[in-house]
Amino acid sequence: MVWAMRYGFYLPTRGQTATPEALETLVRRGESLGFASVMIADHLVFPVTIKSRYPYTVSGDFPGQGDVLDQLSLMAFVAAKTTRLRLVTSVMIVPYRNPVLTATLLSPTSSASSSETTTQYTRLRRCGMKRASKAPRVR
């Protein structure tokens, strides 16, 4: 059996490229270029100052600035803007949210779009949840 490789891209969750207009442009452009999925990070809290060198930029400065968009809210926004991109949480930090509310919020996100939602949970044992690879689809 031969599997075709599919590519995805990350959406910004803060800074100048995380405005509604910029996000819609990124999603529509990614879809038109043939990307299969879009990943959304779940980092709501960042330190005000970072004294250590950031290893993923040439300057060593942390690149993000401004308020952070919530992962589930951004997923709902993207679901309304795409027709085929798979929505993927780039590790969902479950202790940020009530697990029952999270499941409730994921169901309509998945059904509001023709694309699928894939959720990756972390710290499951601490919250007493079992591992799940896909959010439920509601029709």
Foldseek 3Di string as FASTA:
>chain_A
DDDDDAAEEEQAFADPCNDLVNRLVVLVVCVVVPHAAYEYEADQDDDPDDDAFCPPDPVSDDPGDDGGHHRLVVLLSSQQRDAGHEYEYPEHEVVVDDVVVVLVSQAVSQASYNYFYFYAYPPCVVVVHDGDGGRDYDD
